[in-house]
N, C-alpha and C. Protein backbone atom coordinates (compact mmCIF):
# COMPACT_ATOMS: atom_id res chain seq x y z
N UNK A 1 -40.35 -26.49 26.26
CA UNK A 1 -39.65 -25.81 25.18
C UNK A 1 -39.92 -26.57 23.89
N UNK A 2 -40.27 -25.83 22.84
CA UNK A 2 -40.60 -26.48 21.57
C UNK A 2 -39.33 -26.73 20.76
N UNK A 3 -39.44 -27.75 20.00
CA UNK A 3 -38.31 -28.14 19.16
C UNK A 3 -38.36 -27.35 17.85
N UNK A 4 -37.18 -26.93 17.28
CA UNK A 4 -37.19 -26.20 16.01
C UNK A 4 -37.79 -27.05 14.89
N UNK A 5 -38.37 -26.36 13.92
CA UNK A 5 -39.01 -27.06 12.81
C UNK A 5 -37.96 -27.78 11.97
N UNK A 6 -38.44 -28.69 11.15
CA UNK A 6 -37.56 -29.44 10.26
C UNK A 6 -36.81 -28.50 9.31
N UNK A 7 -37.54 -27.49 8.81
CA UNK A 7 -36.92 -26.50 7.92
C UNK A 7 -35.75 -25.81 8.62
N UNK A 8 -35.96 -25.39 9.87
CA UNK A 8 -34.90 -24.70 10.63
C UNK A 8 -33.71 -25.62 10.85
N UNK A 9 -33.96 -26.88 11.15
CA UNK A 9 -32.85 -27.80 11.41
C UNK A 9 -32.08 -28.12 10.14
N UNK A 10 -32.76 -28.24 9.00
CA UNK A 10 -32.08 -28.60 7.75
C UNK A 10 -31.31 -27.44 7.15
N UNK A 11 -31.89 -26.24 7.24
CA UNK A 11 -31.29 -25.10 6.56
C UNK A 11 -30.61 -24.11 7.50
N UNK A 12 -30.40 -24.47 8.73
CA UNK A 12 -29.73 -23.59 9.69
C UNK A 12 -28.32 -23.19 9.24
N UNK A 13 -27.55 -24.10 8.62
CA UNK A 13 -26.22 -23.67 8.18
C UNK A 13 -26.24 -22.59 7.09
N UNK A 14 -27.38 -22.37 6.45
CA UNK A 14 -27.45 -21.40 5.36
C UNK A 14 -28.09 -20.08 5.76
N UNK A 15 -28.47 -19.91 7.02
CA UNK A 15 -29.11 -18.67 7.44
C UNK A 15 -28.15 -17.48 7.43
N UNK A 16 -26.85 -17.75 7.44
CA UNK A 16 -25.88 -16.66 7.40
C UNK A 16 -25.99 -15.90 6.07
N UNK A 17 -26.45 -16.58 5.01
CA UNK A 17 -26.61 -15.91 3.72
C UNK A 17 -27.68 -14.83 3.82
N UNK A 18 -28.78 -15.13 4.46
CA UNK A 18 -29.85 -14.14 4.63
C UNK A 18 -29.36 -12.97 5.49
N UNK A 19 -28.58 -13.27 6.53
CA UNK A 19 -28.05 -12.19 7.37
C UNK A 19 -27.09 -11.31 6.57
N UNK A 20 -26.27 -11.91 5.73
CA UNK A 20 -25.35 -11.13 4.89
C UNK A 20 -26.11 -10.29 3.87
N UNK A 21 -27.16 -10.81 3.30
CA UNK A 21 -27.96 -10.04 2.34
C UNK A 21 -28.65 -8.86 3.03
N UNK A 22 -29.11 -9.06 4.25
CA UNK A 22 -29.71 -7.96 5.01
C UNK A 22 -28.67 -6.89 5.31
N UNK A 23 -27.45 -7.31 5.67
CA UNK A 23 -26.37 -6.35 5.93
C UNK A 23 -26.00 -5.60 4.65
N UNK A 24 -25.99 -6.29 3.52
CA UNK A 24 -25.72 -5.64 2.24
C UNK A 24 -26.78 -4.60 1.92
N UNK A 25 -28.04 -4.94 2.17
CA UNK A 25 -29.13 -3.98 1.95
C UNK A 25 -28.98 -2.74 2.81
N UNK A 26 -28.57 -2.93 4.07
CA UNK A 26 -28.35 -1.77 4.95
C UNK A 26 -27.19 -0.91 4.45
N UNK A 27 -26.14 -1.54 3.96
CA UNK A 27 -24.99 -0.78 3.46
C UNK A 27 -25.35 -0.01 2.19
N UNK A 28 -26.17 -0.59 1.33
CA UNK A 28 -26.52 0.09 0.08
C UNK A 28 -27.45 1.27 0.29
N UNK A 29 -28.00 1.42 1.48
CA UNK A 29 -28.84 2.59 1.78
C UNK A 29 -28.01 3.81 2.18
N UNK A 30 -26.72 3.61 2.42
CA UNK A 30 -25.87 4.70 2.87
C UNK A 30 -25.25 5.43 1.68
N UNK A 31 -25.14 6.74 1.80
CA UNK A 31 -24.57 7.56 0.71
C UNK A 31 -23.08 7.29 0.53
N UNK A 32 -22.39 6.97 1.63
CA UNK A 32 -20.95 6.72 1.53
C UNK A 32 -20.65 5.50 0.65
N UNK A 33 -21.51 4.51 0.71
CA UNK A 33 -21.31 3.32 -0.11
C UNK A 33 -21.42 3.67 -1.59
N UNK A 34 -22.40 4.49 -1.93
CA UNK A 34 -22.57 4.87 -3.34
C UNK A 34 -21.44 5.79 -3.80
N UNK A 35 -20.89 6.59 -2.89
CA UNK A 35 -19.72 7.40 -3.24
C UNK A 35 -18.53 6.53 -3.58
N UNK A 36 -18.31 5.49 -2.79
CA UNK A 36 -17.22 4.57 -3.05
C UNK A 36 -17.44 3.81 -4.36
N UNK A 37 -18.67 3.37 -4.62
CA UNK A 37 -18.97 2.67 -5.87
C UNK A 37 -18.73 3.60 -7.06
N UNK A 38 -19.12 4.87 -6.92
CA UNK A 38 -18.88 5.84 -8.00
C UNK A 38 -17.40 6.06 -8.26
N UNK A 39 -16.60 6.15 -7.18
CA UNK A 39 -15.15 6.30 -7.36
C UNK A 39 -14.57 5.08 -8.06
N UNK A 40 -14.99 3.90 -7.65
CA UNK A 40 -14.50 2.67 -8.29
C UNK A 40 -14.86 2.64 -9.77
N UNK A 41 -16.07 3.06 -10.11
CA UNK A 41 -16.48 3.06 -11.51
C UNK A 41 -15.68 4.06 -12.34
N UNK A 42 -15.47 5.26 -11.81
CA UNK A 42 -14.71 6.26 -12.56
C UNK A 42 -13.26 5.84 -12.77
N UNK A 43 -12.62 5.37 -11.70
CA UNK A 43 -11.23 4.95 -11.84
C UNK A 43 -11.13 3.69 -12.69
N UNK A 44 -12.10 2.81 -12.60
CA UNK A 44 -12.12 1.61 -13.46
C UNK A 44 -12.29 1.97 -14.92
N UNK A 45 -13.11 2.99 -15.20
CA UNK A 45 -13.27 3.45 -16.58
C UNK A 45 -11.95 3.99 -17.13
N UNK A 46 -11.25 4.77 -16.31
CA UNK A 46 -9.94 5.28 -16.74
C UNK A 46 -8.96 4.14 -16.99
N UNK A 47 -8.94 3.16 -16.10
CA UNK A 47 -8.05 2.01 -16.29
C UNK A 47 -8.40 1.22 -17.54
N UNK A 48 -9.68 1.01 -17.76
CA UNK A 48 -10.10 0.25 -18.95
C UNK A 48 -9.75 0.95 -20.24
N UNK A 49 -9.99 2.26 -20.30
CA UNK A 49 -9.65 3.01 -21.51
C UNK A 49 -8.14 3.06 -21.71
N UNK A 50 -7.40 3.24 -20.63
CA UNK A 50 -5.94 3.24 -20.74
C UNK A 50 -5.41 1.90 -21.22
N UNK A 51 -5.96 0.83 -20.72
CA UNK A 51 -5.54 -0.50 -21.16
C UNK A 51 -5.90 -0.73 -22.63
N UNK A 52 -7.08 -0.28 -23.02
CA UNK A 52 -7.52 -0.43 -24.41
C UNK A 52 -6.55 0.26 -25.37
N UNK A 53 -6.25 1.53 -25.11
CA UNK A 53 -5.34 2.25 -26.00
C UNK A 53 -3.90 1.80 -25.82
N UNK A 54 -3.53 1.42 -24.60
CA UNK A 54 -2.17 0.93 -24.38
C UNK A 54 -1.89 -0.35 -25.17
N UNK A 55 -2.87 -1.24 -25.24
CA UNK A 55 -2.68 -2.46 -26.02
C UNK A 55 -2.68 -2.19 -27.52
N UNK A 56 -3.40 -1.15 -27.94
CA UNK A 56 -3.39 -0.80 -29.35
C UNK A 56 -2.02 -0.27 -29.78
N UNK A 57 -1.33 0.40 -28.88
CA UNK A 57 -0.04 1.01 -29.19
C UNK A 57 1.10 0.03 -28.96
N UNK A 58 0.84 -1.09 -28.32
CA UNK A 58 1.89 -2.03 -27.93
C UNK A 58 2.66 -2.55 -29.14
N UNK A 59 3.97 -2.41 -29.07
CA UNK A 59 4.85 -2.82 -30.17
C UNK A 59 4.91 -4.33 -30.30
N UNK A 60 4.87 -5.03 -29.18
CA UNK A 60 4.99 -6.49 -29.20
C UNK A 60 3.83 -7.13 -29.95
N UNK A 61 2.62 -6.60 -29.76
CA UNK A 61 1.48 -7.16 -30.48
C UNK A 61 1.62 -6.94 -31.98
N UNK A 62 2.15 -5.79 -32.37
CA UNK A 62 2.35 -5.52 -33.80
C UNK A 62 3.46 -6.40 -34.36
N UNK A 63 4.50 -6.60 -33.58
CA UNK A 63 5.63 -7.40 -34.03
C UNK A 63 5.21 -8.85 -34.28
N UNK A 64 4.39 -9.38 -33.44
CA UNK A 64 3.93 -10.77 -33.60
C UNK A 64 2.69 -10.88 -34.48
N UNK A 65 2.29 -9.78 -35.05
CA UNK A 65 1.15 -9.69 -35.96
C UNK A 65 -0.13 -10.19 -35.30
N UNK A 66 -0.30 -9.83 -34.05
CA UNK A 66 -1.51 -10.18 -33.32
C UNK A 66 -2.50 -9.02 -33.31
N UNK A 67 -2.11 -7.91 -33.88
CA UNK A 67 -2.97 -6.75 -33.92
C UNK A 67 -3.26 -6.38 -35.36
N UNK A 68 -4.52 -6.10 -35.64
CA UNK A 68 -4.89 -5.78 -37.02
C UNK A 68 -5.24 -4.31 -37.16
N UNK A 69 -4.56 -3.47 -36.46
CA UNK A 69 -4.82 -2.04 -36.54
C UNK A 69 -3.49 -1.32 -36.68
N UNK A 70 -3.57 -0.10 -37.07
CA UNK A 70 -2.33 0.65 -37.25
C UNK A 70 -2.32 1.86 -36.33
N UNK A 71 -1.43 1.84 -35.39
CA UNK A 71 -1.18 2.98 -34.52
C UNK A 71 0.31 3.31 -34.65
N UNK A 72 0.61 4.58 -34.56
CA UNK A 72 2.02 4.94 -34.66
C UNK A 72 2.75 4.47 -33.40
N UNK A 73 4.06 4.27 -33.55
CA UNK A 73 4.86 3.76 -32.45
C UNK A 73 5.12 4.84 -31.41
N UNK A 74 5.29 4.40 -30.19
CA UNK A 74 5.59 5.30 -29.08
C UNK A 74 7.10 5.31 -28.90
N UNK A 75 7.67 6.51 -28.82
CA UNK A 75 9.11 6.63 -28.62
C UNK A 75 9.49 6.37 -27.17
N UNK A 76 10.78 6.42 -26.90
CA UNK A 76 11.26 6.14 -25.54
C UNK A 76 10.75 7.15 -24.53
N UNK A 77 10.81 8.44 -24.87
CA UNK A 77 10.39 9.46 -23.91
C UNK A 77 8.89 9.42 -23.67
N UNK A 78 8.14 9.10 -24.72
CA UNK A 78 6.70 8.97 -24.53
C UNK A 78 6.39 7.77 -23.63
N UNK A 79 7.12 6.67 -23.81
CA UNK A 79 6.91 5.48 -22.98
C UNK A 79 7.24 5.78 -21.52
N UNK A 80 8.32 6.54 -21.29
CA UNK A 80 8.69 6.92 -19.92
C UNK A 80 7.59 7.80 -19.34
N UNK A 81 7.08 8.74 -20.11
CA UNK A 81 5.99 9.61 -19.63
C UNK A 81 4.74 8.82 -19.29
N UNK A 82 4.40 7.85 -20.13
CA UNK A 82 3.23 7.01 -19.86
C UNK A 82 3.45 6.20 -18.58
N UNK A 83 4.65 5.66 -18.42
CA UNK A 83 4.97 4.86 -17.24
C UNK A 83 4.84 5.69 -15.96
N UNK A 84 5.46 6.85 -15.93
CA UNK A 84 5.39 7.67 -14.72
C UNK A 84 4.00 8.25 -14.52
N UNK A 85 3.31 8.56 -15.59
CA UNK A 85 1.92 9.02 -15.46
C UNK A 85 1.02 7.94 -14.87
N UNK A 86 1.26 6.70 -15.26
CA UNK A 86 0.47 5.59 -14.71
C UNK A 86 0.76 5.42 -13.22
N UNK A 87 2.03 5.62 -12.83
CA UNK A 87 2.37 5.53 -11.40
C UNK A 87 1.67 6.64 -10.62
N UNK A 88 1.67 7.86 -11.14
CA UNK A 88 1.01 8.97 -10.46
C UNK A 88 -0.49 8.71 -10.37
N UNK A 89 -1.09 8.20 -11.45
CA UNK A 89 -2.51 7.87 -11.43
C UNK A 89 -2.82 6.83 -10.36
N UNK A 90 -2.02 5.76 -10.31
CA UNK A 90 -2.27 4.69 -9.34
C UNK A 90 -2.12 5.20 -7.91
N UNK A 91 -1.08 5.99 -7.64
CA UNK A 91 -0.89 6.52 -6.29
C UNK A 91 -1.99 7.49 -5.89
N UNK A 92 -2.39 8.36 -6.82
CA UNK A 92 -3.45 9.31 -6.50
C UNK A 92 -4.78 8.59 -6.26
N UNK A 93 -5.08 7.58 -7.05
CA UNK A 93 -6.32 6.82 -6.85
C UNK A 93 -6.27 6.08 -5.52
N UNK A 94 -5.14 5.46 -5.22
CA UNK A 94 -4.98 4.73 -3.96
C UNK A 94 -5.14 5.67 -2.77
N UNK A 95 -4.50 6.83 -2.82
CA UNK A 95 -4.61 7.80 -1.73
C UNK A 95 -6.01 8.39 -1.64
N UNK A 96 -6.70 8.54 -2.77
CA UNK A 96 -8.07 9.05 -2.74
C UNK A 96 -8.98 8.07 -2.00
N UNK A 97 -8.81 6.77 -2.23
CA UNK A 97 -9.61 5.79 -1.51
C UNK A 97 -9.31 5.84 -0.01
N UNK A 98 -8.04 5.99 0.35
CA UNK A 98 -7.67 6.08 1.76
C UNK A 98 -8.23 7.32 2.43
N UNK A 99 -8.17 8.45 1.75
CA UNK A 99 -8.73 9.68 2.30
C UNK A 99 -10.25 9.61 2.39
N UNK A 100 -10.87 8.91 1.45
CA UNK A 100 -12.32 8.75 1.51
C UNK A 100 -12.70 7.91 2.74
N UNK A 101 -11.93 6.87 3.02
CA UNK A 101 -12.18 6.07 4.22
C UNK A 101 -11.98 6.92 5.47
N UNK A 102 -10.97 7.76 5.48
CA UNK A 102 -10.74 8.67 6.60
C UNK A 102 -11.89 9.66 6.76
N UNK A 103 -12.39 10.16 5.64
CA UNK A 103 -13.51 11.10 5.65
C UNK A 103 -14.77 10.44 6.23
N UNK A 104 -15.06 9.21 5.79
CA UNK A 104 -16.24 8.49 6.29
C UNK A 104 -16.09 8.22 7.78
N UNK A 105 -14.90 7.82 8.21
CA UNK A 105 -14.66 7.54 9.62
C UNK A 105 -14.81 8.81 10.46
N UNK A 106 -14.31 9.92 9.97
CA UNK A 106 -14.43 11.19 10.70
C UNK A 106 -15.89 11.61 10.81
N UNK A 107 -16.66 11.42 9.75
CA UNK A 107 -18.09 11.77 9.80
C UNK A 107 -18.85 10.86 10.76
N UNK A 108 -18.49 9.58 10.83
CA UNK A 108 -19.18 8.65 11.75
C UNK A 108 -18.93 9.03 13.20
N UNK A 109 -17.75 9.55 13.49
CA UNK A 109 -17.44 9.95 14.85
C UNK A 109 -18.05 11.31 15.21
N UNK A 110 -18.62 11.98 14.22
CA UNK A 110 -19.29 13.25 14.48
C UNK A 110 -18.38 14.44 14.51
N UNK A 111 -17.16 14.29 14.04
CA UNK A 111 -16.23 15.41 14.04
C UNK A 111 -16.37 16.17 12.73
N UNK A 112 -15.78 17.35 12.71
CA UNK A 112 -15.80 18.15 11.49
C UNK A 112 -14.89 17.49 10.47
N UNK A 113 -15.42 17.23 9.29
CA UNK A 113 -14.68 16.44 8.29
C UNK A 113 -14.24 17.30 7.12
N UNK A 114 -13.65 18.45 7.39
CA UNK A 114 -13.26 19.34 6.30
C UNK A 114 -12.02 18.90 5.56
N UNK A 115 -10.95 18.63 6.28
CA UNK A 115 -9.69 18.30 5.61
C UNK A 115 -9.70 16.96 4.88
N UNK A 116 -10.19 15.87 5.48
CA UNK A 116 -10.22 14.62 4.70
C UNK A 116 -11.14 14.70 3.49
N UNK A 117 -12.22 15.45 3.61
CA UNK A 117 -13.12 15.62 2.47
C UNK A 117 -12.45 16.38 1.33
N UNK A 118 -11.74 17.45 1.70
CA UNK A 118 -11.03 18.23 0.69
C UNK A 118 -9.92 17.40 0.05
N UNK A 119 -9.19 16.65 0.86
CA UNK A 119 -8.11 15.82 0.34
C UNK A 119 -8.66 14.74 -0.59
N UNK A 120 -9.81 14.18 -0.25
CA UNK A 120 -10.43 13.17 -1.12
C UNK A 120 -10.77 13.78 -2.47
N UNK A 121 -11.38 14.94 -2.45
CA UNK A 121 -11.74 15.59 -3.72
C UNK A 121 -10.51 15.95 -4.55
N UNK A 122 -9.50 16.51 -3.91
CA UNK A 122 -8.31 16.91 -4.65
C UNK A 122 -7.56 15.71 -5.23
N UNK A 123 -7.41 14.66 -4.43
CA UNK A 123 -6.71 13.47 -4.94
C UNK A 123 -7.53 12.76 -6.01
N UNK A 124 -8.84 12.72 -5.84
CA UNK A 124 -9.69 12.13 -6.87
C UNK A 124 -9.62 12.91 -8.16
N UNK A 125 -9.65 14.24 -8.06
CA UNK A 125 -9.53 15.06 -9.27
C UNK A 125 -8.16 14.90 -9.92
N UNK A 126 -7.11 14.83 -9.10
CA UNK A 126 -5.77 14.60 -9.64
C UNK A 126 -5.71 13.28 -10.40
N UNK A 127 -6.27 12.23 -9.80
CA UNK A 127 -6.27 10.92 -10.47
C UNK A 127 -7.07 10.97 -11.77
N UNK A 128 -8.22 11.64 -11.76
CA UNK A 128 -9.02 11.71 -12.99
C UNK A 128 -8.34 12.55 -14.07
N UNK A 129 -7.69 13.64 -13.67
CA UNK A 129 -6.99 14.48 -14.65
C UNK A 129 -5.80 13.73 -15.25
N UNK A 130 -5.01 13.08 -14.40
CA UNK A 130 -3.85 12.33 -14.90
C UNK A 130 -4.31 11.15 -15.75
N UNK A 131 -5.33 10.42 -15.28
CA UNK A 131 -5.85 9.29 -16.05
C UNK A 131 -6.44 9.73 -17.38
N UNK A 132 -7.21 10.82 -17.35
CA UNK A 132 -7.76 11.35 -18.60
C UNK A 132 -6.68 11.84 -19.54
N UNK A 133 -5.64 12.45 -18.99
CA UNK A 133 -4.51 12.90 -19.82
C UNK A 133 -3.78 11.73 -20.46
N UNK A 134 -3.61 10.65 -19.71
CA UNK A 134 -2.96 9.47 -20.28
C UNK A 134 -3.80 8.84 -21.38
N UNK A 135 -5.09 8.76 -21.14
CA UNK A 135 -5.98 8.19 -22.18
C UNK A 135 -5.95 9.08 -23.42
N UNK A 136 -6.00 10.39 -23.23
CA UNK A 136 -5.95 11.30 -24.38
C UNK A 136 -4.62 11.16 -25.12
N UNK A 137 -3.52 11.07 -24.35
CA UNK A 137 -2.19 10.94 -24.94
C UNK A 137 -2.08 9.65 -25.76
N UNK A 138 -2.56 8.54 -25.20
CA UNK A 138 -2.52 7.27 -25.93
C UNK A 138 -3.46 7.28 -27.14
N UNK A 139 -4.58 7.96 -27.01
CA UNK A 139 -5.53 8.01 -28.14
C UNK A 139 -4.96 8.83 -29.29
N UNK A 140 -4.03 9.75 -29.03
CA UNK A 140 -3.42 10.55 -30.09
C UNK A 140 -2.59 9.68 -31.05
N UNK A 141 -2.05 8.58 -30.55
CA UNK A 141 -1.25 7.71 -31.39
C UNK A 141 -2.11 6.85 -32.31
N UNK A 142 -3.37 6.71 -32.00
CA UNK A 142 -4.26 5.87 -32.82
C UNK A 142 -5.32 6.70 -33.51
N UNK A 143 -5.15 7.98 -33.57
CA UNK A 143 -6.18 8.84 -34.14
C UNK A 143 -5.95 9.29 -35.52
């Protein structure tokens, strides 16, 4: 039996990195992975825009003179609407990811994946509509 080479003996603890990179390459060839990445990008864009406009409207930043822009103040009812809209957006996005995982699992098992697929689309659209509405609503105060 031959002895492993010096390279193999020295770098054996690091071969798991190559195995992980190969597994990552296999995962990136699947359409489901790109669907999940697309969902993350869309919901992340909504969160980023909401945070951008939310910080522009923030009263505390204006009070401490940390903001050099002028946006009109948000009243109590508007703040409550933004708060509950953000909760609906977060729940719909969270449920959309869960339904997408259910859809992928159902497809892997070879079963008909009609209901989880429909639920994923509907919850994703709900999250995008609510998130887009919140961004539009916040942008109205700075427009």
